[in-house]
Amino acid sequence: MPYSPTLLEGAVSDILLHKKILSPKDLRPEFLSKRFGIEIMTGKTSYAYIDSDVKVFVLDKKVEEKERNYQFHKLFAHTLLHEENHLEIPMEVYEKHSEEAERLTWVEAIPYHMLRYIDFSDPEFIKQASDVFYIPEKVVQNRINFMIQQQFEIDEFDNVNEKVKNFA
């Protein structure tokens, strides 16, 4: 059975397609920032500053580029989910928002409409996808785990429906 995207995956792909984000190279921070009106800076840590029409992402200059790209994607996910300035919210709220943004990051860094760029027949497909999407392997692994979990839940639901049909 082919993979069926979740509503979240479909919504993220729709947003990105609307902004003409069509290939993995379009997911690079330089390109996404232009499409979404985000200014990128570097600093000692990563955070987002958002105030009305101003969006500034500060990325940690000490980390390697794939990790910095991941930081951008996570901050981008935060802005899609939460409007407030990261510097002005309580730490416990930020931590909850961070968990939500992490899951969205997996879906946004490798959107459903770009899964075709991953060669799942390659035994090293995690590394291959990491190189294609230019994000750390841990993010690719989390994205794959998300897909497996979603497919498992769909399969479970399908089996329940089948059992109910058999029972009736």
C-alpha atoms as a PDB file:
ATOM      1  CA  MET A   1       0.000   0.000   0.000  1.00  0.00           C
ATOM      2  CA  PRO A   2       1.452   3.408  -0.956  1.00  0.00           C
ATOM      3  CA  TYR A   3       2.084   5.960   1.771  1.00  0.00           C
ATOM      4  CA  SER A   4      -0.882   8.236   2.491  1.00  0.00           C
ATOM      5  CA  PRO A   5       0.016  11.690   3.810  1.00  0.00           C
ATOM      6  CA  THR A   6      -1.519  13.009   7.000  1.00  0.00           C
ATOM      7  CA  LEU A   7      -3.536  16.223   7.002  1.00  0.00           C
ATOM      8  CA  LEU A   8      -0.465  17.957   8.454  1.00  0.00           C
ATOM      9  CA  GLU A   9       1.765  16.705   5.645  1.00  0.00           C
ATOM     10  CA  GLY A  10      -0.767  17.806   3.036  1.00  0.00           C
ATOM     11  CA  ALA A  11      -1.130  21.257   4.603  1.00  0.00           C
ATOM     12  CA  VAL A  12       2.645  21.794   4.779  1.00  0.00           C
ATOM     13  CA  SER A  13       3.084  20.707   1.159  1.00  0.00           C
ATOM     14  CA  ASP A  14       0.252  23.042   0.107  1.00  0.00           C
ATOM     15  CA  ILE A  15       1.889  26.021   1.860  1.00  0.00           C
ATOM     16  CA  LEU A  16       5.267  25.262   0.305  1.00  0.00           C
ATOM     17  CA  LEU A  17       3.872  24.587  -3.169  1.00  0.00           C
ATOM     18  CA  HIS A  18       1.954  27.875  -3.001  1.00  0.00           C
ATOM     19  CA  LYS A  19       5.311  29.638  -2.461  1.00  0.00           C
ATOM     20  CA  LYS A  20       6.912  27.641  -5.337  1.00  0.00           C
ATOM     21  CA  ILE A  21       9.046  25.476  -3.029  1.00  0.00           C
ATOM     22  CA  LEU A  22       9.400  22.581  -5.458  1.00  0.00           C
ATOM     23  CA  SER A  23      12.712  20.824  -4.832  1.00  0.00           C
ATOM     24  CA  PRO A  24      15.121  20.183  -1.950  1.00  0.00           C
ATOM     25  CA  LYS A  25      17.343  23.093  -2.985  1.00  0.00           C
ATOM     26  CA  ASP A  26      14.316  25.367  -2.471  1.00  0.00           C
ATOM     27  CA  LEU A  27      14.292  24.296   1.186  1.00  0.00           C
ATOM     28  CA  ARG A  28      17.646  25.942   1.860  1.00  0.00           C
ATOM     29  CA  PRO A  29      17.354  28.813   4.354  1.00  0.00           C
ATOM     30  CA  GLU A  30      18.485  31.404   1.801  1.00  0.00           C
ATOM     31  CA  PHE A  31      15.617  30.502  -0.537  1.00  0.00           C
ATOM     32  CA  LEU A  32      12.912  29.946   2.103  1.00  0.00           C
ATOM     33  CA  SER A  33      13.783  33.210   3.833  1.00  0.00           C
ATOM     34  CA  LYS A  34      13.206  35.150   0.602  1.00  0.00           C
ATOM     35  CA  ARG A  35       9.882  33.417  -0.066  1.00  0.00           C
ATOM     36  CA  PHE A  36       8.592  34.015   3.467  1.00  0.00           C
ATOM     37  CA  GLY A  37      10.138  37.419   4.231  1.00  0.00           C
ATOM     38  CA  ILE A  38      12.582  36.257   6.905  1.00  0.00           C
ATOM     39  CA  GLU A  39      15.878  37.956   7.644  1.00  0.00           C
ATOM     40  CA  ILE A  40      18.691  35.576   8.650  1.00  0.00           C
ATOM     41  CA  MET A  41      21.501  36.521  11.008  1.00  0.00           C
ATOM     42  CA  THR A  42      24.088  34.515  12.934  1.00  0.00           C
ATOM     43  CA  GLY A  43      24.896  34.689  16.608  1.00  0.00           C
ATOM     44  CA  LYS A  44      25.945  32.686  19.643  1.00  0.00           C
ATOM     45  CA  THR A  45      22.663  30.743  19.777  1.00  0.00           C
ATOM     46  CA  SER A  46      19.583  30.280  17.634  1.00  0.00           C
ATOM     47  CA  TYR A  47      16.248  32.022  18.178  1.00  0.00           C
ATOM     48  CA  ALA A  48      13.528  33.836  16.285  1.00  0.00           C
ATOM     49  CA  TYR A  49      12.481  37.428  16.750  1.00  0.00           C
ATOM     50  CA  ILE A  50       9.034  38.182  15.376  1.00  0.00           C
ATOM     51  CA  ASP A  51       7.308  41.536  15.741  1.00  0.00           C
ATOM     52  CA  SER A  52       4.378  42.327  13.435  1.00  0.00           C
ATOM     53  CA  ASP A  53       5.871  42.202   9.919  1.00  0.00           C
ATOM     54  CA  VAL A  54       9.483  41.722  11.043  1.00  0.00           C
ATOM     55  CA  LYS A  55      10.811  38.158  11.133  1.00  0.00           C
ATOM     56  CA  VAL A  56      14.431  37.598  12.094  1.00  0.00           C
ATOM     57  CA  PHE A  57      16.021  34.197  12.600  1.00  0.00           C
ATOM     58  CA  VAL A  58      19.338  34.174  14.414  1.00  0.00           C
ATOM     59  CA  LEU A  59      21.242  30.953  13.734  1.00  0.00           C
ATOM     60  CA  ASP A  60      24.130  29.607  15.813  1.00  0.00           C
ATOM     61  CA  LYS A  61      27.294  30.379  13.879  1.00  0.00           C
ATOM     62  CA  LYS A  62      29.330  27.698  15.712  1.00  0.00           C
ATOM     63  CA  VAL A  63      27.461  24.668  14.316  1.00  0.00           C
ATOM     64  CA  GLU A  64      28.060  22.994  10.964  1.00  0.00           C
ATOM     65  CA  GLU A  65      25.840  23.872   8.024  1.00  0.00           C
ATOM     66  CA  LYS A  66      23.434  20.900   8.101  1.00  0.00           C
ATOM     67  CA  GLU A  67      22.741  21.594  11.770  1.00  0.00           C
ATOM     68  CA  ARG A  68      22.271  25.305  11.027  1.00  0.00           C
ATOM     69  CA  ASN A  69      19.778  24.394   8.282  1.00  0.00           C
ATOM     70  CA  TYR A  70      17.926  22.225  10.806  1.00  0.00           C
ATOM     71  CA  GLN A  71      17.868  25.182  13.220  1.00  0.00           C
ATOM     72  CA  PHE A  72      16.336  27.322  10.480  1.00  0.00           C
ATOM     73  CA  HIS A  73      13.665  24.690   9.771  1.00  0.00           C
ATOM     74  CA  LYS A  74      12.801  24.420  13.455  1.00  0.00           C
ATOM     75  CA  LEU A  75      12.491  28.195  13.821  1.00  0.00           C
ATOM     76  CA  PHE A  76      10.408  28.244  10.649  1.00  0.00           C
ATOM     77  CA  ALA A  77       8.121  25.575  12.127  1.00  0.00           C
ATOM     78  CA  HIS A  78       7.812  27.715  15.271  1.00  0.00           C
ATOM     79  CA  THR A  79       6.667  30.672  13.186  1.00  0.00           C
ATOM     80  CA  LEU A  80       4.101  28.550  11.355  1.00  0.00           C
ATOM     81  CA  LEU A  81       2.680  27.349  14.681  1.00  0.00           C
ATOM     82  CA  HIS A  82       3.257  30.239  17.088  1.00  0.00           C
ATOM     83  CA  GLU A  83       3.208  33.972  16.459  1.00  0.00           C
ATOM     84  CA  GLU A  84       4.983  35.237  19.562  1.00  0.00           C
ATOM     85  CA  ASN A  85       8.550  36.439  19.979  1.00  0.00           C
ATOM     86  CA  HIS A  86      10.690  33.647  21.474  1.00  0.00           C
ATOM     87  CA  LEU A  87      12.469  36.138  23.704  1.00  0.00           C
ATOM     88  CA  GLU A  88       9.230  37.200  25.408  1.00  0.00           C
ATOM     89  CA  ILE A  89       7.554  33.927  26.405  1.00  0.00           C
ATOM     90  CA  PRO A  90       8.054  31.918  29.607  1.00  0.00           C
ATOM     91  CA  MET A  91      10.495  28.995  29.344  1.00  0.00           C
ATOM     92  CA  GLU A  92       7.836  26.330  30.048  1.00  0.00           C
ATOM     93  CA  VAL A  93       5.669  27.677  27.211  1.00  0.00           C
ATOM     94  CA  TYR A  94       8.689  27.798  24.915  1.00  0.00           C
ATOM     95  CA  GLU A  95       9.555  24.171  25.756  1.00  0.00           C
ATOM     96  CA  LYS A  96       6.004  23.014  24.922  1.00  0.00           C
ATOM     97  CA  HIS A  97       6.082  25.003  21.694  1.00  0.00           C
ATOM     98  CA  SER A  98       9.496  23.532  20.926  1.00  0.00           C
ATOM     99  CA  GLU A  99       8.149  19.960  21.114  1.00  0.00           C
ATOM    100  CA  GLU A 100       5.303  20.848  18.743  1.00  0.00           C
ATOM    101  CA  ALA A 101       7.690  22.608  16.373  1.00  0.00           C
ATOM    102  CA  GLU A 102      10.062  19.629  16.367  1.00  0.00           C
ATOM    103  CA  ARG A 103       7.398  17.350  14.891  1.00  0.00           C
ATOM    104  CA  LEU A 104       6.461  19.949  12.303  1.00  0.00           C
ATOM    105  CA  THR A 105      10.156  20.400  11.471  1.00  0.00           C
ATOM    106  CA  TRP A 106      10.425  16.768  10.348  1.00  0.00           C
ATOM    107  CA  VAL A 107       7.491  17.245   7.975  1.00  0.00           C
ATOM    108  CA  GLU A 108       8.589  20.664   6.727  1.00  0.00           C
ATOM    109  CA  ALA A 109      12.290  19.767   6.207  1.00  0.00           C
ATOM    110  CA  ILE A 110      11.240  16.805   4.020  1.00  0.00           C
ATOM    111  CA  PRO A 111       7.752  17.665   2.785  1.00  0.00           C
ATOM    112  CA  TYR A 112       5.430  15.033   1.388  1.00  0.00           C
ATOM    113  CA  HIS A 113       5.618  16.384  -2.167  1.00  0.00           C
ATOM    114  CA  MET A 114       9.412  15.880  -2.119  1.00  0.00           C
ATOM    115  CA  LEU A 115       9.574  12.312  -0.858  1.00  0.00           C
ATOM    116  CA  ARG A 116      10.293  11.255  -4.449  1.00  0.00           C
ATOM    117  CA  TYR A 117      13.811  12.702  -4.018  1.00  0.00           C
ATOM    118  CA  ILE A 118      14.634   9.916  -1.554  1.00  0.00           C
ATOM    119  CA  ASP A 119      15.863   6.642  -3.016  1.00  0.00           C
ATOM    120  CA  PHE A 120      14.303   4.240  -0.514  1.00  0.00           C
ATOM    121  CA  SER A 121      15.896   1.297  -2.362  1.00  0.00           C
ATOM    122  CA  ASP A 122      19.353   2.582  -1.387  1.00  0.00           C
ATOM    123  CA  PRO A 123      20.524   0.810   1.816  1.00  0.00           C
ATOM    124  CA  GLU A 124      22.069   4.154   2.798  1.00  0.00           C
ATOM    125  CA  PHE A 125      18.891   6.164   2.079  1.00  0.00           C
ATOM    126  CA  ILE A 126      19.115   8.026   5.421  1.00  0.00           C
ATOM    127  CA  LYS A 127      22.533   9.408   4.479  1.00  0.00           C
ATOM    128  CA  GLN A 128      21.396  10.001   0.881  1.00  0.00           C
ATOM    129  CA  ALA A 129      18.345  11.978   2.075  1.00  0.00           C
ATOM    130  CA  SER A 130      20.499  13.898   4.550  1.00  0.00           C
ATOM    131  CA  ASP A 131      22.737  14.975   1.676  1.00  0.00           C
ATOM    132  CA  VAL A 132      19.848  15.770  -0.695  1.00  0.00           C
ATOM    133  CA  PHE A 133      17.872  17.814   1.853  1.00  0.00           C
ATOM    134  CA  TYR A 134      21.030  19.093   3.556  1.00  0.00           C
ATOM    135  CA  ILE A 135      19.869  18.340   7.083  1.00  0.00           C
ATOM    136  CA  PRO A 136      21.317  16.073   9.793  1.00  0.00           C
ATOM    137  CA  GLU A 137      20.669  12.340   9.531  1.00  0.00           C
ATOM    138  CA  LYS A 138      18.798  12.431  12.869  1.00  0.00           C
ATOM    139  CA  VAL A 139      16.137  14.658  11.253  1.00  0.00           C
ATOM    140  CA  VAL A 140      15.758  12.252   8.328  1.00  0.00           C
ATOM    141  CA  GLN A 141      15.445   9.327  10.739  1.00  0.00           C
ATOM    142  CA  ASN A 142      12.777  11.185  12.737  1.00  0.00           C
ATOM    143  CA  ARG A 143      10.872  11.941   9.513  1.00  0.00           C
ATOM    144  CA  ILE A 144      10.961   8.281   8.491  1.00  0.00           C
ATOM    145  CA  ASN A 145       9.859   7.239  11.991  1.00  0.00           C
ATOM    146  CA  PHE A 146       6.973   9.726  11.734  1.00  0.00           C
ATOM    147  CA  MET A 147       5.898   8.173   8.438  1.00  0.00           C
ATOM    148  CA  ILE A 148       6.130   4.640   9.822  1.00  0.00           C
ATOM    149  CA  GLN A 149       4.068   5.629  12.862  1.00  0.00           C
ATOM    150  CA  GLN A 150       1.434   7.299  10.687  1.00  0.00           C
ATOM    151  CA  GLN A 151       1.250   4.299   8.370  1.00  0.00           C
ATOM    152  CA  PHE A 152       0.986   1.964  11.352  1.00  0.00           C
ATOM    153  CA  GLU A 153      -1.941   3.987  12.707  1.00  0.00           C
ATOM    154  CA  ILE A 154      -3.653   3.935   9.290  1.00  0.00           C
ATOM    155  CA  ASP A 155      -3.090   0.181   8.988  1.00  0.00           C
ATOM    156  CA  GLU A 156      -4.466  -0.338  12.489  1.00  0.00           C
ATOM    157  CA  PHE A 157      -7.549   1.708  11.593  1.00  0.00           C
ATOM    158  CA  ASP A 158      -7.999  -0.215   8.334  1.00  0.00           C
ATOM    159  CA  ASN A 159      -7.764  -3.510  10.212  1.00  0.00           C
ATOM    160  CA  VAL A 160     -10.349  -2.329  12.721  1.00  0.00           C
ATOM    161  CA  ASN A 161     -12.697  -1.369   9.886  1.00  0.00           C
ATOM    162  CA  GLU A 162     -12.174  -4.772   8.285  1.00  0.00           C
ATOM    163  CA  LYS A 163     -12.868  -6.534  11.594  1.00  0.00           C
ATOM    164  CA  VAL A 164     -16.059  -4.503  12.067  1.00  0.00           C
ATOM    165  CA  LYS A 165     -17.182  -5.409   8.523  1.00  0.00           C
ATOM    166  CA  ASN A 166     -16.474  -9.086   9.222  1.00  0.00           C
ATOM    167  CA  PHE A 167     -18.344  -8.903  12.511  1.00  0.00           C
ATOM    168  CA  ALA A 168     -21.396  -7.241  10.927  1.00  0.00           C
END
